[in-house]
Amino acid sequence: MRLLISFVAIFATCKAVGHGETKPGPHNGFIRMPGAFHTEIVPLSKSEFQLYLLDFNWANPTIRKSMVDIKIESKKGKVPVRCTPNVDHFKCELPNGFDLKKGKLILNSSREDTPGAEITYDLPLKLLRDAQSKSHETHH
């Protein structure tokens, strides 16, 4: 029980401070933290990107015993994104008619059998500093 409480406390604290979501990841991508690991999206083109599943310290990308389930949601609807495993990342391709400029990516993942919470990447991709700066300015 103590382990569960500790994990929840760490997870809530990390989510509250954005645990690194305000700076580029090790592959110069966009970081989110769905749980005890990080995800990093690296755009390749307007309709393709790489997804890295990183450990807690932003290192050791892996696809071993891992999975991703991504959907893109826009005014056109919500549709699955095709992702294929590569050496240390997943390469993902948006369906025809969708791009990384509008909507949001909804990501469910697990890294080495450790499940993460559902996370969202708003499109276009940006560091969370932009949103936090605007929020900070309106509150002061």
C-alpha atoms as a PDB file:
ATOM      1  CA  MET A   1       0.000   0.000   0.000  1.00  0.00           C
ATOM      2  CA  ARG A   2       2.844   2.394   0.836  1.00  0.00           C
ATOM      3  CA  LEU A   3       4.405   1.718  -2.568  1.00  0.00           C
ATOM      4  CA  LEU A   4       1.130   2.602  -4.292  1.00  0.00           C
ATOM      5  CA  ILE A   5       0.760   5.805  -2.266  1.00  0.00           C
ATOM      6  CA  SER A   6       4.380   6.747  -3.006  1.00  0.00           C
ATOM      7  CA  PHE A   7       3.913   6.128  -6.731  1.00  0.00           C
ATOM      8  CA  VAL A   8       0.707   8.187  -6.815  1.00  0.00           C
ATOM      9  CA  ALA A   9       2.418  11.041  -4.950  1.00  0.00           C
ATOM     10  CA  ILE A  10       5.416  11.029  -7.292  1.00  0.00           C
ATOM     11  CA  PHE A  11       3.196  10.767 -10.350  1.00  0.00           C
ATOM     12  CA  ALA A  12       0.933  13.620  -9.221  1.00  0.00           C
ATOM     13  CA  THR A  13       3.923  15.829  -8.407  1.00  0.00           C
ATOM     14  CA  CYS A  14       5.558  15.133 -11.767  1.00  0.00           C
ATOM     15  CA  LYS A  15       2.319  15.856 -13.621  1.00  0.00           C
ATOM     16  CA  ALA A  16       1.833  19.083 -11.689  1.00  0.00           C
ATOM     17  CA  VAL A  17       5.217  20.480 -12.672  1.00  0.00           C
ATOM     18  CA  GLY A  18       5.199  19.084 -16.205  1.00  0.00           C
ATOM     19  CA  HIS A  19       8.417  17.079 -15.591  1.00  0.00           C
ATOM     20  CA  GLY A  20      10.464  18.397 -18.484  1.00  0.00           C
ATOM     21  CA  GLU A  21       7.626  19.185 -20.856  1.00  0.00           C
ATOM     22  CA  THR A  22       8.956  22.722 -21.199  1.00  0.00           C
ATOM     23  CA  LYS A  23      12.145  21.759 -23.051  1.00  0.00           C
ATOM     24  CA  PRO A  24      13.007  19.548 -26.040  1.00  0.00           C
ATOM     25  CA  GLY A  25      13.714  15.867 -25.458  1.00  0.00           C
ATOM     26  CA  PRO A  26      16.934  14.006 -26.272  1.00  0.00           C
ATOM     27  CA  HIS A  27      15.877  13.636 -29.932  1.00  0.00           C
ATOM     28  CA  ASN A  28      14.814  17.304 -30.021  1.00  0.00           C
ATOM     29  CA  GLY A  29      11.155  16.292 -29.776  1.00  0.00           C
ATOM     30  CA  PHE A  30       8.167  17.016 -27.574  1.00  0.00           C
ATOM     31  CA  ILE A  31       7.989  15.274 -24.184  1.00  0.00           C
ATOM     32  CA  ARG A  32       5.029  14.103 -22.126  1.00  0.00           C
ATOM     33  CA  MET A  33       4.955  11.871 -19.055  1.00  0.00           C
ATOM     34  CA  PRO A  34       2.139   9.316 -18.963  1.00  0.00           C
ATOM     35  CA  GLY A  35       3.445   7.646 -15.801  1.00  0.00           C
ATOM     36  CA  ALA A  36       6.769   6.090 -14.790  1.00  0.00           C
ATOM     37  CA  PHE A  37       8.225   6.804 -18.255  1.00  0.00           C
ATOM     38  CA  HIS A  38       8.267   9.558 -20.879  1.00  0.00           C
ATOM     39  CA  THR A  39       7.081   9.750 -24.474  1.00  0.00           C
ATOM     40  CA  GLU A  40       8.824  11.888 -27.064  1.00  0.00           C
ATOM     41  CA  ILE A  41       7.321  12.798 -30.433  1.00  0.00           C
ATOM     42  CA  VAL A  42       9.732  13.878 -33.148  1.00  0.00           C
ATOM     43  CA  PRO A  43       8.041  15.219 -36.316  1.00  0.00           C
ATOM     44  CA  LEU A  44       9.531  13.949 -39.599  1.00  0.00           C
ATOM     45  CA  SER A  45       7.100  15.613 -42.016  1.00  0.00           C
ATOM     46  CA  LYS A  46       3.595  17.064 -41.949  1.00  0.00           C
ATOM     47  CA  SER A  47       2.128  13.565 -41.615  1.00  0.00           C
ATOM     48  CA  GLU A  48       4.876  11.381 -40.084  1.00  0.00           C
ATOM     49  CA  PHE A  49       6.642  11.281 -36.741  1.00  0.00           C
ATOM     50  CA  GLN A  50       8.769   9.082 -34.542  1.00  0.00           C
ATOM     51  CA  LEU A  51       7.629   8.152 -31.052  1.00  0.00           C
ATOM     52  CA  TYR A  52      10.226   7.250 -28.434  1.00  0.00           C
ATOM     53  CA  LEU A  53       9.357   5.541 -25.152  1.00  0.00           C
ATOM     54  CA  LEU A  54      12.005   6.791 -22.727  1.00  0.00           C
ATOM     55  CA  ASP A  55      12.738   5.866 -19.148  1.00  0.00           C
ATOM     56  CA  PHE A  56      12.151   8.235 -16.234  1.00  0.00           C
ATOM     57  CA  ASN A  57      15.495   9.971 -16.948  1.00  0.00           C
ATOM     58  CA  TRP A  58      14.773  10.583 -20.657  1.00  0.00           C
ATOM     59  CA  ALA A  59      17.133   7.784 -21.721  1.00  0.00           C
ATOM     60  CA  ASN A  60      17.110   4.188 -22.977  1.00  0.00           C
ATOM     61  CA  PRO A  61      14.445   4.314 -25.701  1.00  0.00           C
ATOM     62  CA  THR A  62      12.882   0.901 -26.245  1.00  0.00           C
ATOM     63  CA  ILE A  63      10.108  -0.932 -28.048  1.00  0.00           C
ATOM     64  CA  ARG A  64      10.712  -4.186 -26.129  1.00  0.00           C
ATOM     65  CA  LYS A  65       7.514  -5.343 -24.385  1.00  0.00           C
ATOM     66  CA  SER A  66       5.997  -1.970 -25.339  1.00  0.00           C
ATOM     67  CA  MET A  67       2.968  -0.809 -27.262  1.00  0.00           C
ATOM     68  CA  VAL A  68       1.429   2.393 -28.550  1.00  0.00           C
ATOM     69  CA  ASP A  69      -2.129   3.173 -29.557  1.00  0.00           C
ATOM     70  CA  ILE A  70      -2.534   6.626 -31.073  1.00  0.00           C
ATOM     71  CA  LYS A  71      -5.567   8.388 -32.493  1.00  0.00           C
ATOM     72  CA  ILE A  72      -5.713  11.766 -34.173  1.00  0.00           C
ATOM     73  CA  GLU A  73      -8.761  13.875 -33.440  1.00  0.00           C
ATOM     74  CA  SER A  74      -9.829  16.870 -35.506  1.00  0.00           C
ATOM     75  CA  LYS A  75     -12.985  18.336 -37.003  1.00  0.00           C
ATOM     76  CA  LYS A  76     -12.848  15.389 -39.440  1.00  0.00           C
ATOM     77  CA  GLY A  77     -13.304  12.940 -36.585  1.00  0.00           C
ATOM     78  CA  LYS A  78     -11.148  10.618 -34.511  1.00  0.00           C
ATOM     79  CA  VAL A  79      -9.156   7.997 -36.393  1.00  0.00           C
ATOM     80  CA  PRO A  80      -6.303   5.589 -35.609  1.00  0.00           C
ATOM     81  CA  VAL A  81      -2.700   6.438 -36.457  1.00  0.00           C
ATOM     82  CA  ARG A  82      -0.596   3.627 -37.918  1.00  0.00           C
ATOM     83  CA  CYS A  83       2.635   3.041 -35.979  1.00  0.00           C
ATOM     84  CA  THR A  84       5.260   0.440 -36.783  1.00  0.00           C
ATOM     85  CA  PRO A  85       8.077  -0.641 -34.468  1.00  0.00           C
ATOM     86  CA  ASN A  86      11.628   0.281 -35.446  1.00  0.00           C
ATOM     87  CA  VAL A  87      14.922  -0.428 -33.677  1.00  0.00           C
ATOM     88  CA  ASP A  88      14.334   1.848 -30.662  1.00  0.00           C
ATOM     89  CA  HIS A  89      11.195   3.816 -31.564  1.00  0.00           C
ATOM     90  CA  PHE A  90       7.873   3.646 -33.362  1.00  0.00           C
ATOM     91  CA  LYS A  91       7.448   5.327 -36.741  1.00  0.00           C
ATOM     92  CA  CYS A  92       3.925   6.706 -37.068  1.00  0.00           C
ATOM     93  CA  GLU A  93       2.010   7.883 -40.108  1.00  0.00           C
ATOM     94  CA  LEU A  94      -1.183   9.910 -40.044  1.00  0.00           C
ATOM     95  CA  PRO A  95      -4.081   8.819 -42.264  1.00  0.00           C
ATOM     96  CA  ASN A  96      -4.710  10.671 -45.538  1.00  0.00           C
ATOM     97  CA  GLY A  97      -6.301  14.067 -44.996  1.00  0.00           C
ATOM     98  CA  PHE A  98      -4.744  14.609 -41.542  1.00  0.00           C
ATOM     99  CA  ASP A  99      -1.574  16.503 -40.606  1.00  0.00           C
ATOM    100  CA  LEU A 100       0.334  17.675 -37.549  1.00  0.00           C
ATOM    101  CA  LYS A 101      -1.040  21.226 -37.870  1.00  0.00           C
ATOM    102  CA  LYS A 102      -4.540  20.884 -36.358  1.00  0.00           C
ATOM    103  CA  GLY A 103      -6.287  18.739 -33.788  1.00  0.00           C
ATOM    104  CA  LYS A 104      -4.723  16.550 -31.164  1.00  0.00           C
ATOM    105  CA  LEU A 105      -2.957  13.223 -30.806  1.00  0.00           C
ATOM    106  CA  ILE A 106      -4.388  10.954 -28.133  1.00  0.00           C
ATOM    107  CA  LEU A 107      -1.770   8.476 -26.955  1.00  0.00           C
ATOM    108  CA  ASN A 108      -2.077   5.318 -24.898  1.00  0.00           C
ATOM    109  CA  SER A 109       1.153   3.444 -24.350  1.00  0.00           C
ATOM    110  CA  SER A 110       3.073   0.999 -22.240  1.00  0.00           C
ATOM    111  CA  ARG A 111       6.843   0.744 -21.921  1.00  0.00           C
ATOM    112  CA  GLU A 112       8.388  -2.615 -21.007  1.00  0.00           C
ATOM    113  CA  ASP A 113       5.024  -3.855 -19.681  1.00  0.00           C
ATOM    114  CA  THR A 114       4.514  -0.689 -17.594  1.00  0.00           C
ATOM    115  CA  PRO A 115       1.233   0.965 -18.630  1.00  0.00           C
ATOM    116  CA  GLY A 116       0.926   4.722 -18.869  1.00  0.00           C
ATOM    117  CA  ALA A 117      -2.082   6.985 -18.531  1.00  0.00           C
ATOM    118  CA  GLU A 118      -3.733   8.411 -21.638  1.00  0.00           C
ATOM    119  CA  ILE A 119      -2.014  11.640 -22.681  1.00  0.00           C
ATOM    120  CA  THR A 120      -2.751  14.282 -25.292  1.00  0.00           C
ATOM    121  CA  TYR A 121      -0.447  16.200 -27.576  1.00  0.00           C
ATOM    122  CA  ASP A 122      -2.197  19.312 -28.893  1.00  0.00           C
ATOM    123  CA  LEU A 123      -1.434  20.171 -32.514  1.00  0.00           C
ATOM    124  CA  PRO A 124       0.554  21.911 -33.733  1.00  0.00           C
ATOM    125  CA  LEU A 125       3.170  20.408 -31.424  1.00  0.00           C
ATOM    126  CA  LYS A 126       4.760  22.902 -29.051  1.00  0.00           C
ATOM    127  CA  LEU A 127       6.603  23.009 -25.784  1.00  0.00           C
ATOM    128  CA  LEU A 128       4.286  23.499 -22.822  1.00  0.00           C
ATOM    129  CA  ARG A 129       6.255  26.590 -21.830  1.00  0.00           C
ATOM    130  CA  ASP A 130       4.208  28.513 -24.415  1.00  0.00           C
ATOM    131  CA  ALA A 131       0.920  27.636 -22.729  1.00  0.00           C
ATOM    132  CA  GLN A 132       2.338  28.029 -19.212  1.00  0.00           C
ATOM    133  CA  SER A 133       3.776  31.463 -20.040  1.00  0.00           C
ATOM    134  CA  LYS A 134       0.394  32.693 -21.287  1.00  0.00           C
ATOM    135  CA  SER A 135      -1.344  31.256 -18.219  1.00  0.00           C
ATOM    136  CA  HIS A 136       1.265  32.824 -15.934  1.00  0.00           C
ATOM    137  CA  GLU A 137       0.871  36.228 -17.635  1.00  0.00           C
ATOM    138  CA  THR A 138      -2.919  36.223 -17.250  1.00  0.00           C
ATOM    139  CA  HIS A 139      -2.703  35.396 -13.552  1.00  0.00           C
ATOM    140  CA  HIS A 140      -0.291  38.232 -12.679  1.00  0.00           C
END
